[in-house]
PDB file of N, CA and C in Angstrom:
ATOM      1  N   MET A   1       0.837  -1.184   0.000  1.00  0.00           N
ATOM      2  CA  MET A   1       0.000   0.000   0.000  1.00  0.00           C
ATOM      3  C   MET A   1       0.878   1.241   0.000  1.00  0.00           C
ATOM      4  N   SER A   2       0.517   2.234  -0.801  1.00  0.00           N
ATOM      5  CA  SER A   2       1.308   3.453  -0.938  1.00  0.00           C
ATOM      6  C   SER A   2       1.057   4.388   0.238  1.00  0.00           C
ATOM      7  N   THR A   3       2.083   5.176   0.584  1.00  0.00           N
ATOM      8  CA  THR A   3       1.936   6.133   1.688  1.00  0.00           C
ATOM      9  C   THR A   3       1.335   7.446   1.199  1.00  0.00           C
ATOM     10  N   ASP A   4       1.017   7.539  -0.114  1.00  0.00           N
ATOM     11  CA  ASP A   4       0.457   8.767  -0.656  1.00  0.00           C
ATOM     12  C   ASP A   4      -1.068   8.790  -0.598  1.00  0.00           C
ATOM     13  N   GLN A   5      -1.694   7.803  -0.012  1.00  0.00           N
ATOM     14  CA  GLN A   5      -3.138   7.731   0.054  1.00  0.00           C
ATOM     15  C   GLN A   5      -3.697   8.795   0.997  1.00  0.00           C
ATOM     16  N   PRO A   6      -4.808   9.451   0.620  1.00  0.00           N
ATOM     17  CA  PRO A   6      -5.424  10.422   1.513  1.00  0.00           C
ATOM     18  C   PRO A   6      -5.891   9.732   2.790  1.00  0.00           C
ATOM     19  N   GLY A   7      -5.762  10.431   3.882  1.00  0.00           N
ATOM     20  CA  GLY A   7      -6.212   9.892   5.148  1.00  0.00           C
ATOM     21  C   GLY A   7      -5.165   9.054   5.852  1.00  0.00           C
ATOM     22  N   ASN A   8      -4.050   8.761   5.217  1.00  0.00           N
ATOM     23  CA  ASN A   8      -2.998   7.963   5.827  1.00  0.00           C
ATOM     24  C   ASN A   8      -2.172   8.888   6.712  1.00  0.00           C
ATOM     25  N   PRO A   9      -2.140   8.671   8.018  1.00  0.00           N
ATOM     26  CA  PRO A   9      -1.396   9.561   8.911  1.00  0.00           C
ATOM     27  C   PRO A   9       0.106   9.502   8.690  1.00  0.00           C
ATOM     28  N   ASN A  10       0.626   8.495   8.042  1.00  0.00           N
ATOM     29  CA  ASN A  10       2.062   8.358   7.812  1.00  0.00           C
ATOM     30  C   ASN A  10       2.498   8.975   6.481  1.00  0.00           C
ATOM     31  N   ALA A  11       1.550   9.515   5.713  1.00  0.00           N
ATOM     32  CA  ALA A  11       1.881  10.086   4.404  1.00  0.00           C
ATOM     33  C   ALA A  11       2.718  11.349   4.599  1.00  0.00           C
ATOM     34  N   THR A  12       3.679  11.511   3.722  1.00  0.00           N
ATOM     35  CA  THR A  12       4.521  12.707   3.795  1.00  0.00           C
ATOM     36  C   THR A  12       3.909  13.799   2.942  1.00  0.00           C
ATOM     37  N   GLU A  13       4.069  15.037   3.387  1.00  0.00           N
ATOM     38  CA  GLU A  13       3.549  16.183   2.658  1.00  0.00           C
ATOM     39  C   GLU A  13       4.502  16.532   1.514  1.00  0.00           C
ATOM     40  N   PRO A  14       3.995  17.034   0.392  1.00  0.00           N
ATOM     41  CA  PRO A  14       4.886  17.495  -0.674  1.00  0.00           C
ATOM     42  C   PRO A  14       5.700  18.682  -0.185  1.00  0.00           C
ATOM     43  N   THR A  15       6.843  18.893  -0.801  1.00  0.00           N
ATOM     44  CA  THR A  15       7.762  19.926  -0.334  1.00  0.00           C
ATOM     45  C   THR A  15       7.497  21.298  -0.941  1.00  0.00           C
ATOM     46  N   HIS A  16       6.485  21.452  -1.814  1.00  0.00           N
ATOM     47  CA  HIS A  16       6.258  22.767  -2.416  1.00  0.00           C
ATOM     48  C   HIS A  16       5.625  23.703  -1.404  1.00  0.00           C
ATOM     49  N   ASP A  17       5.805  24.990  -1.666  1.00  0.00           N
ATOM     50  CA  ASP A  17       5.291  26.040  -0.791  1.00  0.00           C
ATOM     51  C   ASP A  17       3.778  26.109  -0.924  1.00  0.00           C
ATOM     52  N   ARG A  18       3.062  26.003   0.187  1.00  0.00           N
ATOM     53  CA  ARG A  18       1.606  26.045   0.144  1.00  0.00           C
ATOM     54  C   ARG A  18       1.085  27.463  -0.081  1.00  0.00           C
ATOM     55  N   GLY A  19       1.915  28.513   0.101  1.00  0.00           N
ATOM     56  CA  GLY A  19       1.462  29.886  -0.043  1.00  0.00           C
ATOM     57  C   GLY A  19       1.318  30.319  -1.490  1.00  0.00           C
ATOM     58  N   ALA A  20       2.024  29.706  -2.416  1.00  0.00           N
ATOM     59  CA  ALA A  20       1.988  30.115  -3.816  1.00  0.00           C
ATOM     60  C   ALA A  20       0.982  29.269  -4.585  1.00  0.00           C
ATOM     61  N   PRO A  21       0.118  29.870  -5.378  1.00  0.00           N
ATOM     62  CA  PRO A  21      -0.826  29.100  -6.178  1.00  0.00           C
ATOM     63  C   PRO A  21      -0.106  28.303  -7.257  1.00  0.00           C
ATOM     64  N   GLU A  22      -0.763  27.264  -7.728  1.00  0.00           N
ATOM     65  CA  GLU A  22      -0.185  26.365  -8.728  1.00  0.00           C
ATOM     66  C   GLU A  22      -0.081  27.023 -10.108  1.00  0.00           C
ATOM     67  N   ASP A  23      -0.859  28.092 -10.368  1.00  0.00           N
ATOM     68  CA  ASP A  23      -0.882  28.678 -11.701  1.00  0.00           C
ATOM     69  C   ASP A  23       0.247  29.664 -11.956  1.00  0.00           C
ATOM     70  N   GLY A  24       1.166  29.852 -11.016  1.00  0.00           N
ATOM     71  CA  GLY A  24       2.317  30.705 -11.218  1.00  0.00           C
ATOM     72  C   GLY A  24       2.106  32.154 -10.812  1.00  0.00           C
ATOM     73  N   THR A  25       0.903  32.509 -10.383  1.00  0.00           N
ATOM     74  CA  THR A  25       0.677  33.881  -9.941  1.00  0.00           C
ATOM     75  C   THR A  25       1.156  34.031  -8.506  1.00  0.00           C
ATOM     76  N   GLU A  26       1.327  35.267  -8.089  1.00  0.00           N
ATOM     77  CA  GLU A  26       1.772  35.512  -6.720  1.00  0.00           C
ATOM     78  C   GLU A  26       0.637  35.277  -5.748  1.00  0.00           C
ATOM     79  N   ALA A  27       0.979  34.761  -4.582  1.00  0.00           N
ATOM     80  CA  ALA A  27      -0.014  34.571  -3.533  1.00  0.00           C
ATOM     81  C   ALA A  27      -0.322  35.927  -2.913  1.00  0.00           C
ATOM     82  N   PRO A  28      -1.583  36.176  -2.551  1.00  0.00           N
ATOM     83  CA  PRO A  28      -1.900  37.452  -1.918  1.00  0.00           C
ATOM     84  C   PRO A  28      -1.233  37.559  -0.560  1.00  0.00           C
ATOM     85  N   ALA A  29      -0.907  38.785  -0.179  1.00  0.00           N
ATOM     86  CA  ALA A  29      -0.304  39.009   1.130  1.00  0.00           C
ATOM     87  C   ALA A  29      -1.304  38.631   2.212  1.00  0.00           C
ATOM     88  N   PRO A  30      -0.828  38.098   3.339  1.00  0.00           N
ATOM     89  CA  PRO A  30      -1.740  37.729   4.409  1.00  0.00           C
ATOM     90  C   PRO A  30      -2.529  38.944   4.892  1.00  0.00           C
ATOM     91  N   GLY A  31      -3.832  38.769   5.080  1.00  0.00           N
ATOM     92  CA  GLY A  31      -4.678  39.833   5.566  1.00  0.00           C
ATOM     93  C   GLY A  31      -5.091  40.829   4.497  1.00  0.00           C
ATOM     94  N   ARG A  32      -4.723  40.595   3.256  1.00  0.00           N
ATOM     95  CA  ARG A  32      -5.059  41.518   2.167  1.00  0.00           C
ATOM     96  C   ARG A  32      -6.087  40.870   1.267  1.00  0.00           C
ATOM     97  N   ASP A  33      -7.113  41.637   0.919  1.00  0.00           N
ATOM     98  CA  ASP A  33      -8.158  41.122   0.042  1.00  0.00           C
ATOM     99  C   ASP A  33      -7.594  41.011  -1.376  1.00  0.00           C
ATOM    100  N   PRO A  34      -7.551  39.821  -1.968  1.00  0.00           N
ATOM    101  CA  PRO A  34      -6.948  39.648  -3.291  1.00  0.00           C
ATOM    102  C   PRO A  34      -7.758  40.300  -4.410  1.00  0.00           C
ATOM    103  N   LEU A  35      -9.001  40.703  -4.140  1.00  0.00           N
ATOM    104  CA  LEU A  35      -9.828  41.308  -5.172  1.00  0.00           C
ATOM    105  C   LEU A  35      -9.727  42.818  -5.186  1.00  0.00           C
ATOM    106  N   ARG A  36      -8.937  43.397  -4.311  1.00  0.00           N
ATOM    107  CA  ARG A  36      -8.817  44.852  -4.229  1.00  0.00           C
ATOM    108  C   ARG A  36      -7.407  45.288  -4.641  1.00  0.00           C
ATOM    109  N   GLY A  37      -7.308  46.404  -5.338  1.00  0.00           N
ATOM    110  CA  GLY A  37      -6.024  47.022  -5.620  1.00  0.00           C
ATOM    111  C   GLY A  37      -5.175  46.373  -6.694  1.00  0.00           C
ATOM    112  N   SER A  38      -5.763  45.634  -7.620  1.00  0.00           N
ATOM    113  CA  SER A  38      -4.949  45.048  -8.678  1.00  0.00           C
ATOM    114  C   SER A  38      -4.699  46.085  -9.770  1.00  0.00           C
ATOM    115  N   ARG A  39      -3.734  45.810 -10.638  1.00  0.00           N
ATOM    116  CA  ARG A  39      -3.453  46.716 -11.750  1.00  0.00           C
ATOM    117  C   ARG A  39      -4.638  46.799 -12.701  1.00  0.00           C
ATOM    118  N   THR A  40      -5.331  45.686 -12.885  1.00  0.00           N
ATOM    119  CA  THR A  40      -6.485  45.682 -13.776  1.00  0.00           C
ATOM    120  C   THR A  40      -7.589  46.576 -13.224  1.00  0.00           C
ATOM    121  N   SER A  41      -7.847  46.485 -11.928  1.00  0.00           N
ATOM    122  CA  SER A  41      -8.894  47.330 -11.356  1.00  0.00           C
ATOM    123  C   SER A  41      -8.477  48.796 -11.406  1.00  0.00           C
ATOM    124  N   GLY A  42      -7.201  49.083 -11.223  1.00  0.00           N
ATOM    125  CA  GLY A  42      -6.721  50.456 -11.344  1.00  0.00           C
ATOM    126  C   GLY A  42      -6.886  50.994 -12.751  1.00  0.00           C
ATOM    127  N   THR A  43      -6.619  50.159 -13.739  1.00  0.00           N
ATOM    128  CA  THR A  43      -6.783  50.551 -15.131  1.00  0.00           C
ATOM    129  C   THR A  43      -8.251  50.806 -15.438  1.00  0.00           C
ATOM    130  N   TRP A  44      -9.118  49.947 -14.926  1.00  0.00           N
ATOM    131  CA  TRP A  44     -10.554  50.104 -15.154  1.00  0.00           C
ATOM    132  C   TRP A  44     -11.051  51.409 -14.529  1.00  0.00           C
ATOM    133  N   ILE A  45     -10.628  51.699 -13.311  1.00  0.00           N
ATOM    134  CA  ILE A  45     -11.037  52.938 -12.642  1.00  0.00           C
ATOM    135  C   ILE A  45     -10.530  54.149 -13.424  1.00  0.00           C
ATOM    136  N   ALA A  46      -9.285  54.082 -13.910  1.00  0.00           N
ATOM    137  CA  ALA A  46      -8.733  55.184 -14.704  1.00  0.00           C
ATOM    138  C   ALA A  46      -9.526  55.373 -15.999  1.00  0.00           C
ATOM    139  N   ALA A  47      -9.927  54.291 -16.642  1.00  0.00           N
ATOM    140  CA  ALA A  47     -10.699  54.383 -17.884  1.00  0.00           C
ATOM    141  C   ALA A  47     -12.066  55.011 -17.626  1.00  0.00           C
ATOM    142  N   VAL A  48     -12.707  54.636 -16.546  1.00  0.00           N
ATOM    143  CA  VAL A  48     -14.008  55.222 -16.195  1.00  0.00           C
ATOM    144  C   VAL A  48     -13.847  56.703 -15.883  1.00  0.00           C
ATOM    145  N   ALA A  49     -12.825  57.058 -15.101  1.00  0.00           N
ATOM    146  CA  ALA A  49     -12.595  58.460 -14.754  1.00  0.00           C
ATOM    147  C   ALA A  49     -12.300  59.279 -16.008  1.00  0.00           C
ATOM    148  N   LEU A  50     -11.483  58.737 -16.918  1.00  0.00           N
ATOM    149  CA  LEU A  50     -11.167  59.440 -18.159  1.00  0.00           C
ATOM    150  C   LEU A  50     -12.410  59.617 -19.016  1.00  0.00           C
ATOM    151  N   SER A  51     -13.259  58.623 -19.067  1.00  0.00           N
ATOM    152  CA  SER A  51     -14.505  58.734 -19.825  1.00  0.00           C
ATOM    153  C   SER A  51     -15.381  59.842 -19.257  1.00  0.00           C
ATOM    154  N   LEU A  52     -15.460  59.942 -17.948  1.00  0.00           N
ATOM    155  CA  LEU A  52     -16.240  60.998 -17.307  1.00  0.00           C
ATOM    156  C   LEU A  52     -15.663  62.372 -17.642  1.00  0.00           C
ATOM    157  N   VAL A  53     -14.347  62.493 -17.598  1.00  0.00           N
ATOM    158  CA  VAL A  53     -13.697  63.767 -17.947  1.00  0.00           C
ATOM    159  C   VAL A  53     -13.989  64.125 -19.408  1.00  0.00           C
ATOM    160  N   LEU A  54     -13.945  63.156 -20.300  1.00  0.00           N
ATOM    161  CA  LEU A  54     -14.220  63.428 -21.712  1.00  0.00           C
ATOM    162  C   LEU A  54     -15.662  63.878 -21.932  1.00  0.00           C
ATOM    163  N   VAL A  55     -16.613  63.285 -21.207  1.00  0.00           N
ATOM    164  CA  VAL A  55     -18.008  63.706 -21.317  1.00  0.00           C
ATOM    165  C   VAL A  55     -18.152  65.147 -20.827  1.00  0.00           C
ATOM    166  N   LEU A  56     -17.534  65.459 -19.683  1.00  0.00           N
ATOM    167  CA  LEU A  56     -17.593  66.832 -19.164  1.00  0.00           C
ATOM    168  C   LEU A  56     -16.932  67.813 -20.126  1.00  0.00           C
ATOM    169  N   LEU A  57     -15.838  67.402 -20.749  1.00  0.00           N
ATOM    170  CA  LEU A  57     -15.155  68.244 -21.714  1.00  0.00           C
ATOM    171  C   LEU A  57     -16.034  68.495 -22.941  1.00  0.00           C
ATOM    172  N   ALA A  58     -16.720  67.475 -23.408  1.00  0.00           N
ATOM    173  CA  ALA A  58     -17.621  67.629 -24.550  1.00  0.00           C
ATOM    174  C   ALA A  58     -18.751  68.595 -24.210  1.00  0.00           C
ATOM    175  N   VAL A  59     -19.323  68.473 -23.024  1.00  0.00           N
ATOM    176  CA  VAL A  59     -20.383  69.395 -22.596  1.00  0.00           C
ATOM    177  C   VAL A  59     -19.839  70.816 -22.541  1.00  0.00           C
ATOM    178  N   PHE A  60     -18.647  70.992 -21.981  1.00  0.00           N
ATOM    179  CA  PHE A  60     -18.019  72.314 -21.902  1.00  0.00           C
ATOM    180  C   PHE A  60     -17.850  72.922 -23.292  1.00  0.00           C
ATOM    181  N   ILE A  61     -17.359  72.152 -24.225  1.00  0.00           N
ATOM    182  CA  ILE A  61     -17.128  72.653 -25.587  1.00  0.00           C
ATOM    183  C   ILE A  61     -18.450  73.023 -26.260  1.00  0.00           C
ATOM    184  N   LEU A  62     -19.461  72.174 -26.097  1.00  0.00           N
ATOM    185  CA  LEU A  62     -20.745  72.436 -26.738  1.00  0.00           C
ATOM    186  C   LEU A  62     -21.458  73.657 -26.150  1.00  0.00           C
ATOM    187  N   GLN A  63     -21.210  73.966 -24.891  1.00  0.00           N
ATOM    188  CA  GLN A  63     -21.865  75.108 -24.256  1.00  0.00           C
ATOM    189  C   GLN A  63     -21.099  76.415 -24.457  1.00  0.00           C
ATOM    190  N   ASN A  64     -19.867  76.356 -24.914  1.00  0.00           N
ATOM    191  CA  ASN A  64     -19.047  77.558 -25.057  1.00  0.00           C
ATOM    192  C   ASN A  64     -18.550  77.723 -26.484  1.00  0.00           C
ATOM    193  N   THR A  65     -19.499  77.873 -27.398  1.00  0.00           N
ATOM    194  CA  THR A  65     -19.133  77.982 -28.807  1.00  0.00           C
ATOM    195  C   THR A  65     -19.039  79.425 -29.287  1.00  0.00           C
ATOM    196  N   GLN A  66     -19.424  80.404 -28.456  1.00  0.00           N
ATOM    197  CA  GLN A  66     -19.352  81.791 -28.899  1.00  0.00           C
ATOM    198  C   GLN A  66     -17.901  82.184 -29.145  1.00  0.00           C
ATOM    199  N   ARG A  67     -17.710  83.079 -30.115  1.00  0.00           N
ATOM    200  CA  ARG A  67     -16.362  83.493 -30.486  1.00  0.00           C
ATOM    201  C   ARG A  67     -15.940  84.685 -29.635  1.00  0.00           C
ATOM    202  N   VAL A  68     -14.653  84.680 -29.266  1.00  0.00           N
ATOM    203  CA  VAL A  68     -14.105  85.763 -28.451  1.00  0.00           C
ATOM    204  C   VAL A  68     -12.862  86.314 -29.142  1.00  0.00           C
ATOM    205  N   GLU A  69     -12.533  87.554 -28.804  1.00  0.00           N
ATOM    206  CA  GLU A  69     -11.333  88.196 -29.330  1.00  0.00           C
ATOM    207  C   GLU A  69     -10.124  87.704 -28.531  1.00  0.00           C
ATOM    208  N   VAL A  70      -9.089  87.263 -29.234  1.00  0.00           N
ATOM    209  CA  VAL A  70      -7.877  86.747 -28.590  1.00  0.00           C
ATOM    210  C   VAL A  70      -6.690  87.554 -29.097  1.00  0.00           C
ATOM    211  N   SER A  71      -5.844  88.007 -28.151  1.00  0.00           N
ATOM    212  CA  SER A  71      -4.617  88.735 -28.507  1.00  0.00           C
ATOM    213  C   SER A  71      -3.448  88.059 -27.817  1.00  0.00           C
ATOM    214  N   LEU A  72      -2.389  87.774 -28.610  1.00  0.00           N
ATOM    215  CA  LEU A  72      -1.205  87.137 -28.050  1.00  0.00           C
ATOM    216  C   LEU A  72       0.014  87.601 -28.838  1.00  0.00           C
ATOM    217  N   LEU A  73       0.918  88.299 -28.159  1.00  0.00           N
ATOM    218  CA  LEU A  73       2.179  88.740 -28.749  1.00  0.00           C
ATOM    219  C   LEU A  73       1.977  89.458 -30.082  1.00  0.00           C
ATOM    220  N   GLY A  74       1.038  90.372 -30.111  1.00  0.00           N
ATOM    221  CA  GLY A  74       0.799  91.132 -31.323  1.00  0.00           C
ATOM    222  C   GLY A  74      -0.127  90.467 -32.318  1.00  0.00           C
ATOM    223  N   TRP A  75      -0.508  89.229 -32.063  1.00  0.00           N
ATOM    224  CA  TRP A  75      -1.429  88.526 -32.942  1.00  0.00           C
ATOM    225  C   TRP A  75      -2.839  88.726 -32.410  1.00  0.00           C
ATOM    226  N   ASN A  76      -3.768  89.109 -33.246  1.00  0.00           N
ATOM    227  CA  ASN A  76      -5.160  89.291 -32.862  1.00  0.00           C
ATOM    228  C   ASN A  76      -6.029  88.394 -33.723  1.00  0.00           C
ATOM    229  N   GLY A  77      -7.035  87.822 -33.105  1.00  0.00           N
ATOM    230  CA  GLY A  77      -7.944  86.985 -33.864  1.00  0.00           C
ATOM    231  C   GLY A  77      -9.169  86.647 -33.053  1.00  0.00           C
ATOM    232  N   ARG A  78     -10.066  85.952 -33.694  1.00  0.00           N
ATOM    233  CA  ARG A  78     -11.277  85.500 -33.019  1.00  0.00           C
ATOM    234  C   ARG A  78     -11.274  83.974 -33.038  1.00  0.00           C
ATOM    235  N   ALA A  79     -11.655  83.400 -31.912  1.00  0.00           N
ATOM    236  CA  ALA A  79     -11.681  81.941 -31.788  1.00  0.00           C
ATOM    237  C   ALA A  79     -12.798  81.550 -30.833  1.00  0.00           C
ATOM    238  N   PRO A  80     -13.291  80.325 -30.917  1.00  0.00           N
ATOM    239  CA  PRO A  80     -14.308  79.874 -29.969  1.00  0.00           C
ATOM    240  C   PRO A  80     -13.752  79.903 -28.540  1.00  0.00           C
ATOM    241  N   LEU A  81     -14.610  80.294 -27.601  1.00  0.00           N
ATOM    242  CA  LEU A  81     -14.198  80.406 -26.206  1.00  0.00           C
ATOM    243  C   LEU A  81     -13.652  79.084 -25.673  1.00  0.00           C
ATOM    244  N   ALA A  82     -14.325  77.989 -25.962  1.00  0.00           N
ATOM    245  CA  ALA A  82     -13.889  76.689 -25.443  1.00  0.00           C
ATOM    246  C   ALA A  82     -12.491  76.345 -25.962  1.00  0.00           C
ATOM    247  N   ALA A  83     -12.258  76.559 -27.242  1.00  0.00           N
ATOM    248  CA  ALA A  83     -10.943  76.256 -27.811  1.00  0.00           C
ATOM    249  C   ALA A  83      -9.876  77.126 -27.175  1.00  0.00           C
ATOM    250  N   THR A  84     -10.198  78.404 -26.969  1.00  0.00           N
ATOM    251  CA  THR A  84      -9.236  79.323 -26.360  1.00  0.00           C
ATOM    252  C   THR A  84      -8.871  78.877 -24.946  1.00  0.00           C
ATOM    253  N   LEU A  85      -9.872  78.527 -24.159  1.00  0.00           N
ATOM    254  CA  LEU A  85      -9.609  78.086 -22.782  1.00  0.00           C
ATOM    255  C   LEU A  85      -8.869  76.755 -22.734  1.00  0.00           C
ATOM    256  N   LEU A  86      -9.212  75.843 -23.632  1.00  0.00           N
ATOM    257  CA  LEU A  86      -8.525  74.544 -23.649  1.00  0.00           C
ATOM    258  C   LEU A  86      -7.069  74.691 -24.065  1.00  0.00           C
ATOM    259  N   ILE A  87      -6.800  75.560 -25.024  1.00  0.00           N
ATOM    260  CA  ILE A  87      -5.411  75.787 -25.435  1.00  0.00           C
ATOM    261  C   ILE A  87      -4.626  76.435 -24.307  1.00  0.00           C
ATOM    262  N   ALA A  88      -5.246  77.374 -23.597  1.00  0.00           N
ATOM    263  CA  ALA A  88      -4.580  78.015 -22.461  1.00  0.00           C
ATOM    264  C   ALA A  88      -4.303  76.990 -21.351  1.00  0.00           C
ATOM    265  N   ALA A  89      -5.259  76.098 -21.084  1.00  0.00           N
ATOM    266  CA  ALA A  89      -5.065  75.073 -20.056  1.00  0.00           C
ATOM    267  C   ALA A  89      -3.960  74.091 -20.467  1.00  0.00           C
ATOM    268  N   ALA A  90      -3.942  73.716 -21.747  1.00  0.00           N
ATOM    269  CA  ALA A  90      -2.896  72.808 -22.229  1.00  0.00           C
ATOM    270  C   ALA A  90      -1.529  73.475 -22.140  1.00  0.00           C
ATOM    271  N   GLY A  91      -1.467  74.761 -22.465  1.00  0.00           N
ATOM    272  CA  GLY A  91      -0.199  75.490 -22.337  1.00  0.00           C
ATOM    273  C   GLY A  91       0.267  75.540 -20.888  1.00  0.00           C
ATOM    274  N   GLY A  92      -0.654  75.786 -19.964  1.00  0.00           N
ATOM    275  CA  GLY A  92      -0.309  75.784 -18.542  1.00  0.00           C
ATOM    276  C   GLY A  92       0.172  74.421 -18.071  1.00  0.00           C
ATOM    277  N   ALA A  93      -0.505  73.365 -18.531  1.00  0.00           N
ATOM    278  CA  ALA A  93      -0.090  72.010 -18.167  1.00  0.00           C
ATOM    279  C   ALA A  93       1.298  71.704 -18.717  1.00  0.00           C
ATOM    280  N   LEU A  94       1.595  72.188 -19.915  1.00  0.00           N
ATOM    281  CA  LEU A  94       2.915  71.983 -20.512  1.00  0.00           C
ATOM    282  C   LEU A  94       3.998  72.686 -19.701  1.00  0.00           C
ATOM    283  N   VAL A  95       3.720  73.896 -19.244  1.00  0.00           N
ATOM    284  CA  VAL A  95       4.685  74.619 -18.414  1.00  0.00           C
ATOM    285  C   VAL A  95       4.935  73.867 -17.106  1.00  0.00           C
ATOM    286  N   VAL A  96       3.859  73.385 -16.465  1.00  0.00           N
ATOM    287  CA  VAL A  96       3.998  72.651 -15.203  1.00  0.00           C
ATOM    288  C   VAL A  96       4.758  71.340 -15.430  1.00  0.00           C
ATOM    289  N   ALA A  97       4.436  70.614 -16.509  1.00  0.00           N
ATOM    290  CA  ALA A  97       5.122  69.355 -16.800  1.00  0.00           C
ATOM    291  C   ALA A  97       6.603  69.584 -17.074  1.00  0.00           C
ATOM    292  N   THR A  98       6.928  70.666 -17.785  1.00  0.00           N
ATOM    293  CA  THR A  98       8.325  70.976 -18.063  1.00  0.00           C
ATOM    294  C   THR A  98       9.082  71.285 -16.779  1.00  0.00           C
ATOM    295  N   ALA A  99       8.487  72.100 -15.916  1.00  0.00           N
ATOM    296  CA  ALA A  99       9.130  72.414 -14.639  1.00  0.00           C
ATOM    297  C   ALA A  99       9.315  71.162 -13.792  1.00  0.00           C
ATOM    298  N   GLY A 100       8.309  70.296 -13.764  1.00  0.00           N
ATOM    299  CA  GLY A 100       8.418  69.048 -13.004  1.00  0.00           C
ATOM    300  C   GLY A 100       9.494  68.128 -13.557  1.00  0.00           C
ATOM    301  N   ALA A 101       9.565  68.019 -14.887  1.00  0.00           N
ATOM    302  CA  ALA A 101      10.581  67.170 -15.509  1.00  0.00           C
ATOM    303  C   ALA A 101      11.988  67.693 -15.228  1.00  0.00           C
ATOM    304  N   LEU A 102      12.160  69.003 -15.291  1.00  0.00           N
ATOM    305  CA  LEU A 102      13.473  69.577 -14.977  1.00  0.00           C
ATOM    306  C   LEU A 102      13.861  69.319 -13.525  1.00  0.00           C
ATOM    307  N   ARG A 103      12.900  69.408 -12.622  1.00  0.00           N
ATOM    308  CA  ARG A 103      13.185  69.138 -11.207  1.00  0.00           C
ATOM    309  C   ARG A 103      13.544  67.666 -10.993  1.00  0.00           C
ATOM    310  N   ILE A 104      12.839  66.773 -11.645  1.00  0.00           N
ATOM    311  CA  ILE A 104      13.149  65.341 -11.531  1.00  0.00           C
ATOM    312  C   ILE A 104      14.556  65.066 -12.052  1.00  0.00           C
ATOM    313  N   LEU A 105      14.901  65.645 -13.203  1.00  0.00           N
ATOM    314  CA  LEU A 105      16.258  65.462 -13.740  1.00  0.00           C
ATOM    315  C   LEU A 105      17.311  66.007 -12.778  1.00  0.00           C
ATOM    316  N   GLN A 106      17.032  67.152 -12.178  1.00  0.00           N
ATOM    317  CA  GLN A 106      17.960  67.740 -11.219  1.00  0.00           C
ATOM    318  C   GLN A 106      18.168  66.808 -10.018  1.00  0.00           C
ATOM    319  N   LEU A 107      17.080  66.249  -9.495  1.00  0.00           N
ATOM    320  CA  LEU A 107      17.196  65.349  -8.343  1.00  0.00           C
ATOM    321  C   LEU A 107      17.901  64.050  -8.715  1.00  0.00           C
ATOM    322  N   ARG A 108      17.630  63.511  -9.903  1.00  0.00           N
ATOM    323  CA  ARG A 108      18.313  62.286 -10.335  1.00  0.00           C
ATOM    324  C   ARG A 108      19.813  62.521 -10.471  1.00  0.00           C
ATOM    325  N   ARG A 109      20.171  63.669 -11.042  1.00  0.00           N
ATOM    326  CA  ARG A 109      21.586  63.997 -11.183  1.00  0.00           C
ATOM    327  C   ARG A 109      22.249  64.106  -9.804  1.00  0.00           C
ATOM    328  N   ARG A 110      21.557  64.729  -8.866  1.00  0.00           N
ATOM    329  CA  ARG A 110      22.103  64.889  -7.513  1.00  0.00           C
ATOM    330  C   ARG A 110      22.284  63.531  -6.826  1.00  0.00           C
ATOM    331  N   VAL A 111      21.294  62.643  -6.960  1.00  0.00           N
ATOM    332  CA  VAL A 111      21.407  61.304  -6.357  1.00  0.00           C
ATOM    333  C   VAL A 111      22.528  60.518  -7.012  1.00  0.00           C
ATOM    334  N   LYS A 112      22.635  60.597  -8.339  1.00  0.00           N
ATOM    335  CA  LYS A 112      23.703  59.873  -9.040  1.00  0.00           C
ATOM    336  C   LYS A 112      25.075  60.386  -8.592  1.00  0.00           C
ATOM    337  N   HIS A 113      25.195  61.694  -8.431  1.00  0.00           N
ATOM    338  CA  HIS A 113      26.466  62.288  -7.986  1.00  0.00           C
ATOM    339  C   HIS A 113      26.805  61.825  -6.562  1.00  0.00           C
ATOM    340  N   GLN A 114      25.806  61.744  -5.691  1.00  0.00           N
ATOM    341  CA  GLN A 114      26.037  61.313  -4.319  1.00  0.00           C
ATOM    342  C   GLN A 114      26.440  59.836  -4.242  1.00  0.00           C
ATOM    343  N   ARG A 115      25.875  59.006  -5.134  1.00  0.00           N
ATOM    344  CA  ARG A 115      26.199  57.575  -5.129  1.00  0.00           C
ATOM    345  C   ARG A 115      27.631  57.330  -5.609  1.00  0.00           C
ATOM    346  N   THR A 116      28.075  58.118  -6.578  1.00  0.00           N
ATOM    347  CA  THR A 116      29.414  57.914  -7.131  1.00  0.00           C
ATOM    348  C   THR A 116      30.491  58.631  -6.312  1.00  0.00           C
ATOM    349  N   GLY A 117      30.114  59.635  -5.572  1.00  0.00           N
ATOM    350  CA  GLY A 117      31.128  60.434  -4.859  1.00  0.00           C
ATOM    351  C   GLY A 117      31.088  60.246  -3.428  1.00  0.00           C
TER     352      GLY A 117
END
């Protein structure tokens, strides 16, 4: 009779780790809900949030179609209010992103210098 039979008190346990699933995925941390906080759920939440922002943006554009006078560095023209505000917001975001990127590069350079010196 084999010692691998279920219910046999003398049977030896397999040596594999019981914490890791057989399918090769990582075992959830103890005390952590495995259905919360995954990358897939984060992506889904981001997609829903982006869809909501796009709907609000479409409503904003449709409600602000009147043309306004725009002057910039000697250039004068008329453009839809929504387009003017969106271009101004994108320009502001570009300035902030550039400043942030320069600061990140500065900090990386400082850390690299400290590690080597």
